[in-house]
C-alpha atoms as a PDB file:
ATOM      1  CA  MET A   1     -24.996   3.642 -11.662  1.00  0.00           C
ATOM      2  CA  ASN A   2     -22.496   1.359 -10.092  1.00  0.00           C
ATOM      3  CA  VAL A   3     -19.886  -0.009 -12.836  1.00  0.00           C
ATOM      4  CA  ARG A   4     -18.220  -2.910 -13.291  1.00  0.00           C
ATOM      5  CA  LEU A   5     -14.428  -3.156 -14.145  1.00  0.00           C
ATOM      6  CA  GLU A   6     -11.222  -5.182 -14.657  1.00  0.00           C
ATOM      7  CA  TYR A   7      -8.001  -4.240 -14.714  1.00  0.00           C
ATOM      8  CA  ASP A   8      -4.271  -5.780 -15.139  1.00  0.00           C
ATOM      9  CA  LEU A   9      -1.406  -4.974 -13.619  1.00  0.00           C
ATOM     10  CA  THR A  10       2.098  -6.420 -13.792  1.00  0.00           C
ATOM     11  CA  TRP A  11       5.347  -5.258 -12.132  1.00  0.00           C
ATOM     12  CA  ARG A  12       8.268  -6.933 -10.679  1.00  0.00           C
ATOM     13  CA  SER A  13       9.661  -7.614  -7.293  1.00  0.00           C
ATOM     14  CA  ALA A  14      11.600  -9.898  -4.959  1.00  0.00           C
ATOM     15  CA  ILE A  15      10.715 -12.748  -2.432  1.00  0.00           C
ATOM     16  CA  TRP A  16      13.107 -13.948   0.201  1.00  0.00           C
ATOM     17  CA  PHE A  17      12.326 -17.298   0.432  1.00  0.00           C
ATOM     18  CA  GLU A  18      14.201 -20.662   1.874  1.00  0.00           C
ATOM     19  CA  ASN A  19      16.761 -18.285   2.595  1.00  0.00           C
ATOM     20  CA  CYS A  20      17.476 -16.946  -0.817  1.00  0.00           C
ATOM     21  CA  LEU A  21      16.726 -13.922  -2.601  1.00  0.00           C
ATOM     22  CA  GLN A  22      14.855 -14.189  -5.954  1.00  0.00           C
ATOM     23  CA  LEU A  23      13.761 -11.931  -8.484  1.00  0.00           C
ATOM     24  CA  ASN A  24       9.978 -12.516  -9.836  1.00  0.00           C
ATOM     25  CA  GLY A  25       7.323 -11.108 -12.180  1.00  0.00           C
ATOM     26  CA  TYR A  26       3.849 -10.187 -11.085  1.00  0.00           C
ATOM     27  CA  THR A  27       0.656 -10.315 -12.795  1.00  0.00           C
ATOM     28  CA  ALA A  28      -3.132  -9.629 -11.661  1.00  0.00           C
ATOM     29  CA  THR A  29      -6.424  -9.131 -12.853  1.00  0.00           C
ATOM     30  CA  ILE A  30      -8.628  -7.108 -10.434  1.00  0.00           C
ATOM     31  CA  SER A  31     -12.438  -7.039 -10.796  1.00  0.00           C
ATOM     32  CA  MET A  32     -14.232  -3.779  -9.152  1.00  0.00           C
ATOM     33  CA  ILE A  33     -17.532  -2.354  -8.902  1.00  0.00           C
ATOM     34  CA  THR A  34     -17.782   1.336  -8.467  1.00  0.00           C
ATOM     35  CA  ASN A  35     -19.528   2.400  -5.021  1.00  0.00           C
ATOM     36  CA  THR A  36     -20.241   6.529  -5.803  1.00  0.00           C
ATOM     37  CA  SER A  37     -21.775   8.931  -8.320  1.00  0.00           C
ATOM     38  CA  VAL A  38     -18.566  11.309  -8.123  1.00  0.00           C
ATOM     39  CA  SER A  39     -16.224   9.856 -11.238  1.00  0.00           C
ATOM     40  CA  LYS A  40     -13.370  12.099  -9.547  1.00  0.00           C
ATOM     41  CA  ASP A  41     -13.499   9.517  -7.188  1.00  0.00           C
ATOM     42  CA  HIS A  42     -13.412   6.791  -9.551  1.00  0.00           C
ATOM     43  CA  THR A  43     -10.312   8.408 -10.898  1.00  0.00           C
ATOM     44  CA  THR A  44      -8.327   8.656  -7.516  1.00  0.00           C
ATOM     45  CA  CYS A  45      -8.984   5.040  -6.402  1.00  0.00           C
ATOM     46  CA  MET A  46      -7.602   4.422  -9.857  1.00  0.00           C
ATOM     47  CA  ASP A  47      -4.603   6.485  -9.003  1.00  0.00           C
ATOM     48  CA  ARG A  48      -3.914   5.204  -6.130  1.00  0.00           C
ATOM     49  CA  ILE A  49      -4.354   1.611  -7.124  1.00  0.00           C
ATOM     50  CA  ASN A  50      -1.264   2.688  -9.760  1.00  0.00           C
ATOM     51  CA  HIS A  51       0.222   4.745  -7.270  1.00  0.00           C
ATOM     52  CA  PHE A  52       0.475   1.688  -4.796  1.00  0.00           C
ATOM     53  CA  VAL A  53       2.020  -1.059  -7.202  1.00  0.00           C
ATOM     54  CA  TYR A  54       3.911   0.959  -9.315  1.00  0.00           C
ATOM     55  CA  HIS A  55       5.608   2.966  -6.181  1.00  0.00           C
ATOM     56  CA  GLU A  56       5.219   0.948  -3.014  1.00  0.00           C
ATOM     57  CA  LEU A  57       5.437  -2.502  -4.344  1.00  0.00           C
ATOM     58  CA  VAL A  58       7.704  -2.295  -7.272  1.00  0.00           C
ATOM     59  CA  ASN A  59      11.137  -3.605  -6.661  1.00  0.00           C
ATOM     60  CA  THR A  60      10.515  -4.173  -3.316  1.00  0.00           C
ATOM     61  CA  VAL A  61      11.190  -7.822  -0.891  1.00  0.00           C
ATOM     62  CA  PHE A  62       8.458  -9.804   0.130  1.00  0.00           C
ATOM     63  CA  VAL A  63       9.836 -11.188   3.091  1.00  0.00           C
ATOM     64  CA  HIS A  64       7.716 -12.820   6.175  1.00  0.00           C
ATOM     65  CA  GLN A  65       7.372 -10.786   9.041  1.00  0.00           C
ATOM     66  CA  GLU A  66       8.972 -13.462  11.615  1.00  0.00           C
ATOM     67  CA  ASP A  67      12.228 -13.176   9.722  1.00  0.00           C
ATOM     68  CA  ARG A  68      13.021 -10.239  11.747  1.00  0.00           C
ATOM     69  CA  GLU A  69      16.984 -10.745  11.442  1.00  0.00           C
ATOM     70  CA  GLN A  70      16.787 -10.454   7.716  1.00  0.00           C
ATOM     71  CA  MET A  71      14.485  -7.564   7.787  1.00  0.00           C
ATOM     72  CA  GLN A  72      16.708  -6.117   9.620  1.00  0.00           C
ATOM     73  CA  LEU A  73      19.413  -6.866   7.433  1.00  0.00           C
ATOM     74  CA  LEU A  74      17.653  -5.147   4.429  1.00  0.00           C
ATOM     75  CA  ALA A  75      16.689  -2.392   6.414  1.00  0.00           C
ATOM     76  CA  ALA A  76      20.194  -1.750   6.946  1.00  0.00           C
ATOM     77  CA  ALA A  77      21.503  -2.006   3.614  1.00  0.00           C
ATOM     78  CA  GLY A  78      18.077   0.492   2.710  1.00  0.00           C
ATOM     79  CA  ILE A  79      16.129  -2.089   0.604  1.00  0.00           C
ATOM     80  CA  LYS A  80      12.747  -1.659   0.362  1.00  0.00           C
ATOM     81  CA  PHE A  81      10.795  -4.454   1.894  1.00  0.00           C
ATOM     82  CA  THR A  82       7.612  -5.554   2.535  1.00  0.00           C
ATOM     83  CA  PRO A  83       6.730  -8.079   5.709  1.00  0.00           C
ATOM     84  CA  LEU A  84       3.891 -10.187   4.830  1.00  0.00           C
ATOM     85  CA  PRO A  85       2.146 -12.972   7.580  1.00  0.00           C
ATOM     86  CA  GLU A  86       3.520 -16.011   6.083  1.00  0.00           C
ATOM     87  CA  GLN A  87       5.702 -16.876   3.325  1.00  0.00           C
ATOM     88  CA  PRO A  88       5.658 -14.967   0.532  1.00  0.00           C
ATOM     89  CA  ILE A  89       4.163 -17.572  -1.827  1.00  0.00           C
ATOM     90  CA  ASP A  90       1.560 -15.969  -4.710  1.00  0.00           C
ATOM     91  CA  GLN A  91      -1.304 -16.787  -2.597  1.00  0.00           C
ATOM     92  CA  ILE A  92      -0.194 -14.699   0.516  1.00  0.00           C
ATOM     93  CA  VAL A  93       0.431 -11.867  -1.950  1.00  0.00           C
ATOM     94  CA  GLY A  94      -2.452 -12.524  -3.537  1.00  0.00           C
ATOM     95  CA  LEU A  95      -4.354 -11.954  -0.398  1.00  0.00           C
ATOM     96  CA  VAL A  96      -2.613  -9.310   1.112  1.00  0.00           C
ATOM     97  CA  LEU A  97      -3.093  -7.025  -2.062  1.00  0.00           C
ATOM     98  CA  TYR A  98      -6.965  -8.262  -2.904  1.00  0.00           C
ATOM     99  CA  CYS A  99      -6.832  -6.455   1.062  1.00  0.00           C
ATOM    100  CA  LYS A 100      -4.753  -3.615   0.702  1.00  0.00           C
ATOM    101  CA  LEU A 101      -6.491  -2.738  -2.702  1.00  0.00           C
ATOM    102  CA  ASN A 102     -10.113  -2.816  -0.577  1.00  0.00           C
ATOM    103  CA  ALA A 103      -8.528  -0.520   1.862  1.00  0.00           C
ATOM    104  CA  ILE A 104      -7.280   2.429   0.085  1.00  0.00           C
ATOM    105  CA  VAL A 105      -9.921   2.628  -1.974  1.00  0.00           C
ATOM    106  CA  GLU A 106     -12.256   3.184   1.173  1.00  0.00           C
ATOM    107  CA  ASP A 107     -15.537   1.864  -0.224  1.00  0.00           C
ATOM    108  CA  ARG A 108     -15.203   3.925  -3.171  1.00  0.00           C
ATOM    109  CA  MET A 109     -15.175   0.932  -5.162  1.00  0.00           C
ATOM    110  CA  HIS A 110     -15.210  -2.261  -4.309  1.00  0.00           C
ATOM    111  CA  VAL A 111     -12.562  -4.991  -5.587  1.00  0.00           C
ATOM    112  CA  THR A 112     -15.033  -8.047  -5.883  1.00  0.00           C
ATOM    113  CA  ALA A 113     -12.055 -10.606  -7.499  1.00  0.00           C
ATOM    114  CA  MET A 114      -8.964 -10.828  -7.788  1.00  0.00           C
ATOM    115  CA  ALA A 115      -6.239 -13.420 -10.023  1.00  0.00           C
ATOM    116  CA  ILE A 116      -2.858 -13.444  -9.182  1.00  0.00           C
ATOM    117  CA  GLN A 117       0.415 -14.984 -11.261  1.00  0.00           C
ATOM    118  CA  SER A 118       3.987 -14.983 -11.183  1.00  0.00           C
ATOM    119  CA  GLU A 119       7.027 -16.425 -13.136  1.00  0.00           C
ATOM    120  CA  LEU A 120       8.583 -18.200 -10.499  1.00  0.00           C
ATOM    121  CA  GLY A 121       5.113 -19.840  -9.666  1.00  0.00           C
ATOM    122  CA  ASP A 122       5.062 -21.053 -13.420  1.00  0.00           C
ATOM    123  CA  ASN A 123       2.058 -18.751 -14.021  1.00  0.00           C
ATOM    124  CA  ILE A 124      -0.451 -20.878 -11.988  1.00  0.00           C
ATOM    125  CA  ARG A 125      -3.170 -18.238 -11.626  1.00  0.00           C
ATOM    126  CA  TYR A 126      -4.304 -17.753  -7.648  1.00  0.00           C
ATOM    127  CA  LEU A 127      -8.022 -16.578  -7.018  1.00  0.00           C
ATOM    128  CA  HIS A 128      -9.202 -14.580  -4.549  1.00  0.00           C
ATOM    129  CA  SER A 129     -12.492 -13.180  -3.953  1.00  0.00           C
ATOM    130  CA  GLU A 130     -15.177 -11.557  -1.760  1.00  0.00           C
ATOM    131  CA  HIS A 131     -16.831 -14.927  -0.503  1.00  0.00           C
ATOM    132  CA  GLU A 132     -13.494 -16.102   0.466  1.00  0.00           C
ATOM    133  CA  ASP A 133     -13.300 -17.072   4.099  1.00  0.00           C
ATOM    134  CA  ALA A 134      -9.504 -16.869   4.743  1.00  0.00           C
ATOM    135  CA  VAL A 135      -8.448 -16.193   8.332  1.00  0.00           C
ATOM    136  CA  LEU A 136      -5.459 -14.598   6.727  1.00  0.00           C
ATOM    137  CA  MET A 137      -7.511 -11.686   5.935  1.00  0.00           C
ATOM    138  CA  ASP A 138      -8.625 -10.408   9.440  1.00  0.00           C
ATOM    139  CA  ARG A 139      -4.928 -10.737  10.533  1.00  0.00           C
ATOM    140  CA  PRO A 140      -3.903  -6.815  11.552  1.00  0.00           C
ATOM    141  CA  GLY A 141      -1.182  -5.694   9.573  1.00  0.00           C
ATOM    142  CA  TRP A 142      -0.595  -2.788   6.768  1.00  0.00           C
ATOM    143  CA  TRP A 143      -2.803  -4.598   4.565  1.00  0.00           C
ATOM    144  CA  GLN A 144      -5.583  -3.743   6.875  1.00  0.00           C
ATOM    145  CA  ASP A 145      -4.951   0.283   6.677  1.00  0.00           C
ATOM    146  CA  SER A 146      -6.218   2.536   4.264  1.00  0.00           C
ATOM    147  CA  ASN A 147      -2.929   4.554   3.854  1.00  0.00           C
ATOM    148  CA  PRO A 148      -0.311   3.959   0.746  1.00  0.00           C
ATOM    149  CA  ALA A 149       2.178   1.976   3.334  1.00  0.00           C
ATOM    150  CA  HIS A 150       3.747  -1.497   2.683  1.00  0.00           C
ATOM    151  CA  ASN A 151       5.318  -1.634   5.585  1.00  0.00           C
ATOM    152  CA  ASN A 152       4.896  -1.338   9.608  1.00  0.00           C
ATOM    153  CA  PHE A 153       8.291  -2.424  10.264  1.00  0.00           C
ATOM    154  CA  LYS A 154      10.164  -1.566  13.576  1.00  0.00           C
ATOM    155  CA  GLN A 155      14.185  -1.121  13.701  1.00  0.00           C
ATOM    156  CA  THR A 156      15.421  -2.181  16.781  1.00  0.00           C
ATOM    157  CA  GLY A 157      18.260  -1.908  18.657  1.00  0.00           C
ATOM    158  CA  ASN A 158      20.405  -1.304  21.714  1.00  0.00           C
ATOM    159  CA  SER A 159      22.868   1.609  20.178  1.00  0.00           C
ATOM    160  CA  LYS A 160      21.669   4.490  18.596  1.00  0.00           C
ATOM    161  CA  LYS A 161      24.514   3.374  15.987  1.00  0.00           C
ATOM    162  CA  GLN A 162      22.203   0.429  15.129  1.00  0.00           C
ATOM    163  CA  VAL A 163      18.949   2.552  14.481  1.00  0.00           C
ATOM    164  CA  VAL A 164      18.252   3.044  10.962  1.00  0.00           C
ATOM    165  CA  LYS A 165      15.656   5.374   9.397  1.00  0.00           C
ATOM    166  CA  LEU A 166      12.903   3.975   6.703  1.00  0.00           C
ATOM    167  CA  ASN A 167      11.783   6.258   4.324  1.00  0.00           C
ATOM    168  CA  ARG A 168       8.691   7.629   5.172  1.00  0.00           C
ATOM    169  CA  THR A 169       5.581   6.701   2.755  1.00  0.00           C
ATOM    170  CA  PRO A 170       3.700  10.177   2.028  1.00  0.00           C
ATOM    171  CA  SER A 171      -0.069  10.279   2.753  1.00  0.00           C
ATOM    172  CA  TRP A 172      -2.362  10.247   0.233  1.00  0.00           C
ATOM    173  CA  ARG A 173      -3.045  14.004   0.887  1.00  0.00           C
ATOM    174  CA  GLU A 174       0.772  15.059   0.109  1.00  0.00           C
ATOM    175  CA  LEU A 175       0.119  13.026  -3.119  1.00  0.00           C
ATOM    176  CA  GLU A 176      -2.836  14.923  -3.972  1.00  0.00           C
ATOM    177  CA  LEU A 177      -4.637  11.571  -3.924  1.00  0.00           C
ATOM    178  CA  ASP A 178      -7.118  12.519  -0.954  1.00  0.00           C
ATOM    179  CA  TRP A 179     -11.321  12.375  -2.144  1.00  0.00           C
ATOM    180  CA  SER A 180     -13.350  14.772  -3.373  1.00  0.00           C
ATOM    181  CA  ASP A 181     -15.123  15.735  -0.571  1.00  0.00           C
ATOM    182  CA  ALA A 182     -12.485  15.750   1.779  1.00  0.00           C
ATOM    183  CA  GLN A 183     -11.189  18.467   3.931  1.00  0.00           C
ATOM    184  CA  ARG A 184      -8.239  19.734   4.024  1.00  0.00           C
ATOM    185  CA  PRO A 185      -7.367  21.071   7.414  1.00  0.00           C
ATOM    186  CA  THR A 186      -5.764  25.144   7.502  1.00  0.00           C
ATOM    187  CA  ILE A 187      -2.227  25.604   6.916  1.00  0.00           C
ATOM    188  CA  GLU A 188      -0.691  26.828   9.839  1.00  0.00           C
ATOM    189  CA  SER A 189       2.449  28.850   9.309  1.00  0.00           C
ATOM    190  CA  ASN A 190       5.146  30.034  11.434  1.00  0.00           C
ATOM    191  CA  THR A 191       5.774  33.558   9.486  1.00  0.00           C
ATOM    192  CA  VAL A 192       4.235  36.562  11.813  1.00  0.00           C
ATOM    193  CA  VAL A 193       2.366  39.112  10.181  1.00  0.00           C
ATOM    194  CA  PHE A 194       2.386  42.394  10.837  1.00  0.00           C
ATOM    195  CA  ALA A 195      -0.284  44.904  10.305  1.00  0.00           C
ATOM    196  CA  LYS A 196      -1.015  48.767  10.725  1.00  0.00           C
ATOM    197  CA  PHE A 197      -4.553  50.010  12.108  1.00  0.00           C
ATOM    198  CA  PRO A 198      -5.850  53.118  12.109  1.00  0.00           C
ATOM    199  CA  ILE A 199      -5.860  54.958  15.677  1.00  0.00           C
ATOM    200  CA  ASP A 200      -9.905  55.145  16.415  1.00  0.00           C
ATOM    201  CA  GLU A 201      -9.671  59.004  17.554  1.00  0.00           C
ATOM    202  CA  ASN A 202     -13.041  58.719  18.762  1.00  0.00           C
END
C-alpha cells in the first residue's frame, strides 16, 4: 500500500549573489508517496534526504555555476559551495532540491511536491511539483545524480600550486545507506594468507 507523507526541512546556508555573500535560512516542506513495500527502504529514503540536507547543504554557499572565478576562490579557501544552474534565488534552490531528492530516493519514493521559502526571500513560498514543466529540471548536473554529491566543480590551474583538492563525498554504501536489495561487492584485501595442506601420499 502506498503511503502519502509530508516532511519539513529547515537549514542554514549562504548565497553568493550580486558580488555579496549573504547568510540565509531555508524551510522546505516536501510531499512524498512511497513506491515500495519494503519498510527498511522507506527509512533509508528518509535517512538519505536528511543526510543530503543536513550534511551536504548546511553551511554551503549557493553560487551560479558560471561564476567560476568565485568558485575558484571558495575552493581555495576550503569553503563548501554548491553550484546552481542559475542565480541562487529561492525558486532555483527549490527546483534543484526537488530534482535531487527525487534522484537520491531512486524510485523507492516519489517527491510529488515541494514548498520552499527563505529569510532573504521574505518567506514567500515557491511551489514545485511533478507536473511542473521546467526546462531547468532537465539540465545535466549534480541535481540529476543519485549519489550524495552537491558539487561537480573541477578545480583548474596551470601549475601544481594551483591545484586544490575538494573533500570527496562518500557514497551511500560508505554511509551505510544503500538499499535492502543492494548487492555488496566482495571485499578485497592485500593480505596474503598462507595455508598448510596435508600431503596426499597416495
